[in-house]
Amino acid sequence: MRNVDEINELLRPLARVEPGQPDSRASGAGARALLASIAVQEPDIASRGLGRTRRYAPRGPRRLALGLTAAAVLAAGVVVGPSLLEDGRGVAVSYANSAVEIGREGDQYVARIKDPFADHAEYTEAFHAVGLNVDLRLVPVSPGGVGKILGMIIAAKGSSRPDPEVRPDPSGPRFGGVALSMETAPKGCRPVQNGHCVMVMRIPAGFTGSVDVRLGRQAKPGEEYANFDSAMAPGEMFGGVRLRNGRSVDDVLAEARRRNLIAVFSLIRMDERTGVMSSFDPLPEDRVGPGWTVWNAWQVRAGVIRLLVTPERLPENPFYNGSAPPPAS
């Protein structure tokens, strides 16, 4: 039986990462490079380094030999974080790190988000590992926006073009009949209220283009909402309020107080030549008259609503004349 020092000497040539060095962390470049080399290395190469010759014939899907390798890695002081499962052709069909877990399920890749507060680079790393060019960014939103897609930009490549639609598909665009979609599991749960509720993204396995997605996550205390323009949508802080025809500041402030909301203001500036909105300027409350008109409301953060106002009454609501996207309702 060899002692530990002898084993360490035998394993030293295999070590790509020195313990205590900047890239020795599981997420470091050195550790990822080591993991990648394990993924492509023939099993008999490492075994020959230990004085043995043993060949294996790969058959079908195979799990990377991280079990025995882990013993060598630990003895050499190397840390490997993410886990991979290959399909026999060197293509990963699953990948997991501390932020997200991705696996192939039929004709889709299914990504289950474990840490909605992780750096977006951890999501990108996982999608790239399974061959998907997905840039997922989680942004703070109100409770009603958690788990919802706030924006999606799809760059088609080759055959990866959305299927033609007679009417919009509520589940998301389809590629080869397979939807690129977002949901929560269990279905219909609210992640902000239920610790067992997970956000799940589904991507067609044959998708070869790229997609940038902004997905709502629970806002931390004091964080401003990315879905600010959803204040009047059902379930949001000003849900049910109607401002299409404008309402007086006094009237809207009374509604805010009934909902225990703090109101702040922005002045709408109009371009005299074109008649469209040109800017929004923050405005102290003591400069707002009770008879001014409120044309829209944005949710700022928990408990705070922003009222967009003008001192005079305009001929029409500028948020409904093409100057800006109309409010969600």
Protein backbone atom coordinates (compact mmCIF):
# COMPACT_ATOMS: atom_id res chain seq x y z
CA MET A 1 0.00 0.00 0.00
CA ARG A 2 1.44 3.34 -1.00
CA ASN A 3 1.46 6.08 1.59
CA VAL A 4 -0.17 9.48 1.08
CA ASP A 5 3.07 11.23 0.10
CA GLU A 6 3.73 8.69 -2.66
CA ILE A 7 0.19 9.03 -3.97
CA ASN A 8 0.48 12.82 -3.98
CA GLU A 9 3.72 12.59 -6.00
CA LEU A 10 2.01 10.33 -8.55
CA LEU A 11 -0.99 12.66 -8.80
CA ARG A 12 0.98 15.93 -8.93
CA PRO A 13 1.40 15.83 -12.79
CA LEU A 14 -2.41 15.60 -13.12
CA ALA A 15 -3.08 18.75 -11.07
CA ARG A 16 -3.94 21.79 -13.17
CA VAL A 17 -4.88 24.02 -10.25
CA GLU A 18 -2.80 24.73 -7.16
CA PRO A 19 -4.76 25.11 -3.89
CA GLY A 20 -4.90 28.63 -2.57
CA GLN A 21 -4.25 30.22 -5.98
CA PRO A 22 -6.75 32.76 -7.43
CA ASP A 23 -8.19 30.32 -9.97
CA SER A 24 -8.42 27.37 -7.56
CA ARG A 25 -12.08 28.09 -6.73
CA ALA A 26 -14.73 25.86 -8.27
CA SER A 27 -15.88 28.73 -10.47
CA GLY A 28 -12.35 29.75 -11.49
CA ALA A 29 -10.98 29.43 -15.01
CA GLY A 30 -8.45 26.81 -13.93
CA ALA A 31 -11.04 24.54 -12.36
CA ARG A 32 -13.33 24.88 -15.40
CA ALA A 33 -10.46 24.04 -17.72
CA LEU A 34 -9.67 20.95 -15.64
CA LEU A 35 -13.31 19.87 -15.75
CA ALA A 36 -13.36 20.34 -19.53
CA SER A 37 -10.20 18.23 -19.94
CA ILE A 38 -11.73 15.45 -17.84
CA ALA A 39 -14.79 15.55 -20.10
CA VAL A 40 -12.80 14.89 -23.28
CA GLN A 41 -9.92 12.74 -21.93
CA GLU A 42 -9.95 9.02 -22.65
CA PRO A 43 -10.28 7.05 -19.37
CA ASP A 44 -7.06 5.05 -19.96
CA ILE A 45 -4.89 8.19 -20.13
CA ALA A 46 -5.36 9.03 -16.45
CA SER A 47 -5.09 5.40 -15.40
CA ARG A 48 -1.72 5.03 -17.14
CA GLY A 49 -0.44 7.93 -15.01
CA LEU A 50 -1.11 5.72 -11.97
CA GLY A 51 0.92 2.85 -13.35
CA ARG A 52 -2.00 0.85 -14.70
CA THR A 53 -3.32 0.13 -18.19
CA ARG A 54 -7.04 -0.37 -18.49
CA ARG A 55 -9.21 0.46 -21.51
CA TYR A 56 -12.90 1.11 -21.59
CA ALA A 57 -15.28 1.06 -24.53
CA PRO A 58 -17.81 3.89 -24.19
CA ARG A 59 -21.37 2.73 -24.85
CA GLY A 60 -24.27 5.17 -25.26
CA PRO A 61 -24.83 7.97 -22.76
CA ARG A 62 -22.13 8.01 -20.09
CA ARG A 63 -21.66 9.94 -16.89
CA LEU A 64 -18.30 11.65 -16.62
CA ALA A 65 -16.03 9.60 -14.41
CA LEU A 66 -15.99 12.14 -11.62
CA GLY A 67 -16.27 9.53 -8.87
CA LEU A 68 -12.76 8.07 -9.05
CA THR A 69 -11.40 11.33 -10.44
CA ALA A 70 -12.74 13.16 -7.38
CA ALA A 71 -10.45 11.12 -5.14
CA ALA A 72 -7.44 12.16 -7.22
CA VAL A 73 -8.68 15.74 -7.35
CA LEU A 74 -9.06 15.95 -3.58
CA ALA A 75 -5.63 14.41 -2.97
CA ALA A 76 -4.06 16.99 -5.30
CA GLY A 77 -6.04 19.86 -3.71
CA VAL A 78 -8.16 20.62 -6.83
CA VAL A 79 -11.75 21.84 -6.49
CA VAL A 80 -14.35 21.04 -9.17
CA GLY A 81 -17.77 22.66 -8.78
CA PRO A 82 -20.33 22.11 -11.58
CA SER A 83 -21.50 18.69 -12.66
CA LEU A 84 -22.00 17.44 -16.20
CA LEU A 85 -23.71 14.55 -17.96
CA GLU A 86 -22.71 13.75 -21.54
CA ASP A 87 -24.57 12.05 -24.36
CA GLY A 88 -21.70 9.90 -25.70
CA ARG A 89 -20.78 12.42 -28.43
CA GLY A 90 -19.08 14.90 -26.09
CA VAL A 91 -22.20 17.09 -25.88
CA ALA A 92 -23.51 17.80 -22.39
CA VAL A 93 -27.20 16.97 -21.94
CA SER A 94 -27.27 18.29 -18.39
CA TYR A 95 -25.39 20.78 -16.28
CA ALA A 96 -25.79 22.08 -12.76
CA ASN A 97 -24.15 24.76 -10.67
CA SER A 98 -25.29 26.66 -7.59
CA ALA A 99 -27.55 28.95 -9.62
CA VAL A 100 -29.34 26.73 -12.13
CA GLU A 101 -29.87 23.12 -13.13
CA ILE A 102 -30.38 22.27 -16.82
CA GLY A 103 -31.36 18.90 -18.25
CA ARG A 104 -32.59 17.44 -21.54
CA GLU A 105 -36.20 16.29 -21.39
CA GLY A 106 -37.42 14.98 -24.73
CA ASP A 107 -37.23 17.74 -27.35
CA GLN A 108 -36.52 20.48 -24.79
CA TYR A 109 -33.85 21.64 -22.41
CA VAL A 110 -35.43 22.46 -19.06
CA ALA A 111 -33.67 24.98 -16.81
CA ARG A 112 -34.71 25.13 -13.15
CA ILE A 113 -33.50 28.27 -11.41
CA LYS A 114 -32.21 27.48 -7.93
CA ASP A 115 -30.80 30.88 -7.00
CA PRO A 116 -32.67 33.86 -8.51
CA PHE A 117 -30.14 36.28 -6.96
CA ALA A 118 -27.06 34.71 -8.60
CA ASP A 119 -24.85 36.61 -11.04
CA HIS A 120 -26.17 36.23 -14.58
CA ALA A 121 -22.78 34.84 -15.67
CA GLU A 122 -23.60 31.63 -13.78
CA TYR A 123 -26.74 31.14 -15.87
CA THR A 124 -24.82 31.86 -19.08
CA GLU A 125 -22.14 29.34 -18.09
CA ALA A 126 -24.78 26.64 -17.63
CA PHE A 127 -26.61 27.30 -20.92
CA HIS A 128 -23.34 27.38 -22.87
CA ALA A 129 -22.36 24.04 -21.32
CA VAL A 130 -25.33 22.36 -23.03
CA GLY A 131 -24.77 24.20 -26.31
CA LEU A 132 -27.42 26.93 -25.91
CA ASN A 133 -26.69 30.60 -26.54
CA VAL A 134 -29.01 31.99 -23.88
CA ASP A 135 -28.31 35.18 -21.92
CA LEU A 136 -30.66 35.11 -18.93
CA ARG A 137 -30.82 38.16 -16.65
CA LEU A 138 -33.04 38.14 -13.59
CA VAL A 139 -34.28 41.60 -12.62
CA PRO A 140 -36.14 42.80 -9.49
CA VAL A 141 -39.90 43.08 -9.89
CA SER A 142 -43.08 43.44 -7.86
CA PRO A 143 -44.62 40.25 -6.43
CA GLY A 144 -46.98 39.98 -9.40
CA GLY A 145 -44.09 40.01 -11.87
CA VAL A 146 -42.03 37.19 -10.34
CA GLY A 147 -41.42 34.40 -12.84
CA LYS A 148 -42.66 36.43 -15.81
CA ILE A 149 -40.67 37.33 -18.92
CA LEU A 150 -40.27 41.10 -19.11
CA GLY A 151 -38.49 41.08 -22.45
CA MET A 152 -37.07 38.65 -24.97
CA ILE A 153 -34.82 39.27 -27.97
CA ILE A 154 -34.39 36.30 -30.30
CA ALA A 155 -31.71 36.28 -32.99
CA ALA A 156 -32.59 33.54 -35.47
CA LYS A 157 -29.79 31.50 -37.00
CA GLY A 158 -30.06 28.96 -39.80
CA SER A 159 -33.22 26.92 -39.32
CA SER A 160 -33.91 28.40 -35.87
CA ARG A 161 -36.70 30.72 -36.89
CA PRO A 162 -39.98 31.04 -35.01
CA ASP A 163 -42.88 29.10 -36.49
CA PRO A 164 -45.40 31.34 -38.30
CA GLU A 165 -48.38 32.07 -36.05
CA VAL A 166 -51.94 32.94 -36.91
CA ARG A 167 -52.32 34.34 -33.41
CA PRO A 168 -49.77 34.85 -30.60
CA ASP A 169 -49.03 31.73 -28.56
CA PRO A 170 -49.38 32.58 -24.85
CA SER A 171 -46.76 29.96 -23.95
CA GLY A 172 -44.08 31.65 -26.10
CA PRO A 173 -42.60 31.45 -29.62
CA ARG A 174 -42.31 27.99 -31.12
CA PHE A 175 -39.40 26.46 -33.01
CA GLY A 176 -40.19 23.26 -34.87
CA GLY A 177 -43.41 23.03 -32.88
CA VAL A 178 -41.60 23.29 -29.53
CA ALA A 179 -42.22 26.36 -27.35
CA LEU A 180 -39.54 28.56 -25.81
CA SER A 181 -41.36 29.37 -22.61
CA MET A 182 -41.24 30.31 -18.95
CA GLU A 183 -43.36 28.95 -16.11
CA THR A 184 -43.32 28.17 -12.42
CA ALA A 185 -43.37 24.72 -10.84
CA PRO A 186 -45.70 23.66 -9.40
CA LYS A 187 -47.74 25.38 -12.10
CA GLY A 188 -49.34 28.65 -11.01
CA CYS A 189 -47.34 28.99 -7.77
CA ARG A 190 -45.81 32.31 -6.67
CA PRO A 191 -42.07 32.09 -5.94
CA VAL A 192 -42.17 35.17 -3.74
CA GLN A 193 -44.68 33.51 -1.41
CA ASN A 194 -43.67 29.85 -1.57
CA GLY A 195 -40.13 28.62 -0.95
CA HIS A 196 -40.92 25.41 -2.85
CA CYS A 197 -41.94 27.30 -6.00
CA VAL A 198 -39.27 27.20 -8.74
CA MET A 199 -38.95 29.22 -11.95
CA VAL A 200 -38.57 26.95 -14.97
CA MET A 201 -37.43 27.91 -18.48
CA ARG A 202 -37.92 25.59 -21.45
CA ILE A 203 -35.82 25.90 -24.62
CA PRO A 204 -36.24 23.76 -27.77
CA ALA A 205 -33.31 21.35 -28.04
CA GLY A 206 -32.93 22.18 -31.73
CA PHE A 207 -32.63 25.92 -31.16
CA THR A 208 -29.35 27.17 -32.66
CA GLY A 209 -29.89 30.93 -32.50
CA SER A 210 -29.40 33.21 -29.51
CA VAL A 211 -31.89 34.63 -27.06
CA ASP A 212 -31.64 37.39 -24.45
CA VAL A 213 -34.24 37.11 -21.72
CA ARG A 214 -35.12 39.45 -18.84
CA LEU A 215 -36.96 37.47 -16.20
CA GLY A 216 -38.62 38.84 -13.07
CA ARG A 217 -37.35 37.78 -9.66
CA GLN A 218 -38.37 38.83 -6.16
CA ALA A 219 -37.06 42.31 -5.34
CA LYS A 220 -34.90 42.71 -2.28
CA PRO A 221 -36.04 45.31 0.31
CA GLY A 222 -35.55 48.77 -1.18
CA GLU A 223 -34.82 47.57 -4.74
CA GLU A 224 -36.64 49.43 -7.49
CA TYR A 225 -38.94 47.44 -9.76
CA ALA A 226 -38.01 46.74 -13.38
CA ASN A 227 -41.72 46.28 -14.19
CA PHE A 228 -42.48 49.85 -13.11
CA ASP A 229 -45.06 50.33 -15.87
CA SER A 230 -47.31 47.51 -14.59
CA ALA A 231 -48.63 49.48 -11.60
CA MET A 232 -52.26 49.44 -12.83
CA ALA A 233 -52.31 45.79 -13.94
CA PRO A 234 -54.45 43.33 -11.95
CA GLY A 235 -52.78 42.37 -8.67
CA GLU A 236 -50.29 45.25 -8.74
CA MET A 237 -50.17 48.17 -6.27
CA PHE A 238 -52.49 50.41 -8.33
CA GLY A 239 -54.50 47.59 -9.90
CA GLY A 240 -57.96 48.70 -11.01
CA VAL A 241 -57.11 52.43 -11.19
CA ARG A 242 -58.02 54.04 -14.52
CA LEU A 243 -56.16 57.09 -15.80
CA ARG A 244 -56.97 56.94 -19.51
CA ASN A 245 -58.84 60.26 -19.34
CA GLY A 246 -56.66 61.77 -16.62
CA ARG A 247 -57.62 62.47 -12.99
CA SER A 248 -56.84 65.26 -10.57
CA VAL A 249 -53.87 64.96 -8.24
CA ASP A 250 -56.13 65.27 -5.18
CA ASP A 251 -58.30 62.40 -6.40
CA VAL A 252 -55.37 60.08 -7.14
CA LEU A 253 -53.56 60.93 -3.89
CA ALA A 254 -56.67 59.90 -1.97
CA GLU A 255 -56.58 56.54 -3.76
CA ALA A 256 -52.89 56.13 -2.91
CA ARG A 257 -53.56 56.80 0.78
CA ARG A 258 -56.35 54.19 0.79
CA ARG A 259 -53.76 51.68 -0.39
CA ASN A 260 -51.10 52.80 2.12
CA LEU A 261 -48.82 54.01 -0.64
CA ILE A 262 -46.36 56.89 -0.64
CA ALA A 263 -46.67 59.05 -3.77
CA VAL A 264 -43.81 60.76 -5.59
CA PHE A 265 -44.14 62.87 -8.73
CA SER A 266 -42.66 63.38 -12.18
CA LEU A 267 -43.49 66.24 -14.51
CA ILE A 268 -44.36 65.30 -18.10
CA ARG A 269 -42.75 67.65 -20.60
CA MET A 270 -44.28 67.88 -24.05
CA ASP A 271 -42.55 68.87 -27.28
CA GLU A 272 -44.49 71.89 -28.51
CA ARG A 273 -43.61 71.23 -32.14
CA THR A 274 -44.52 67.53 -32.33
CA GLY A 275 -47.01 67.26 -29.49
CA VAL A 276 -45.34 64.15 -28.04
CA MET A 277 -43.67 63.62 -24.69
CA SER A 278 -40.04 64.69 -24.54
CA SER A 279 -39.03 63.93 -20.94
CA PHE A 280 -40.04 63.15 -17.36
CA ASP A 281 -38.52 65.26 -14.60
CA PRO A 282 -38.72 64.39 -10.87
CA LEU A 283 -40.82 66.98 -9.07
CA PRO A 284 -41.02 67.78 -5.32
CA GLU A 285 -44.50 67.28 -3.88
CA ASP A 286 -44.75 70.89 -2.67
CA ARG A 287 -44.54 72.09 -6.27
CA VAL A 288 -47.52 70.01 -7.40
CA GLY A 289 -50.93 71.68 -7.34
CA PRO A 290 -54.05 69.78 -6.22
CA GLY A 291 -55.75 70.53 -9.53
CA TRP A 292 -52.92 69.21 -11.69
CA THR A 293 -53.70 66.17 -13.85
CA VAL A 294 -52.32 62.64 -13.36
CA TRP A 295 -51.95 60.75 -16.65
CA ASN A 296 -50.11 57.62 -15.55
CA ALA A 297 -48.70 55.82 -12.49
CA TRP A 298 -45.51 53.79 -12.15
CA GLN A 299 -44.62 51.51 -9.26
CA VAL A 300 -41.18 52.46 -7.92
CA ARG A 301 -40.56 49.91 -5.16
CA ALA A 302 -42.60 48.30 -2.40
CA GLY A 303 -45.02 50.91 -1.02
CA VAL A 304 -44.03 53.73 -3.41
CA ILE A 305 -46.01 54.91 -6.46
CA ARG A 306 -44.87 57.55 -8.98
CA LEU A 307 -47.55 59.84 -10.45
CA LEU A 308 -46.84 61.42 -13.84
CA VAL A 309 -48.49 64.82 -14.03
CA THR A 310 -48.96 68.04 -15.97
CA PRO A 311 -50.10 71.42 -14.56
CA GLU A 312 -52.58 71.86 -17.40
CA ARG A 313 -55.07 69.44 -18.84
CA LEU A 314 -53.89 68.07 -22.18
CA PRO A 315 -56.16 67.37 -25.17
CA GLU A 316 -55.44 63.65 -24.82
CA ASN A 317 -53.48 61.27 -22.63
CA PRO A 318 -49.92 61.26 -24.04
CA PHE A 319 -49.50 57.62 -23.05
CA TYR A 320 -52.24 56.62 -25.49
CA ASN A 321 -51.33 58.73 -28.53
CA GLY A 322 -48.29 56.74 -29.62
CA SER A 323 -45.78 58.80 -27.61
CA ALA A 324 -45.03 55.81 -25.40
CA PRO A 325 -46.26 52.26 -24.85
CA PRO A 326 -49.68 52.36 -23.15
CA PRO A 327 -49.81 51.38 -19.45
CA ALA A 328 -50.42 47.75 -18.58
CA SER A 329 -53.95 47.22 -17.34
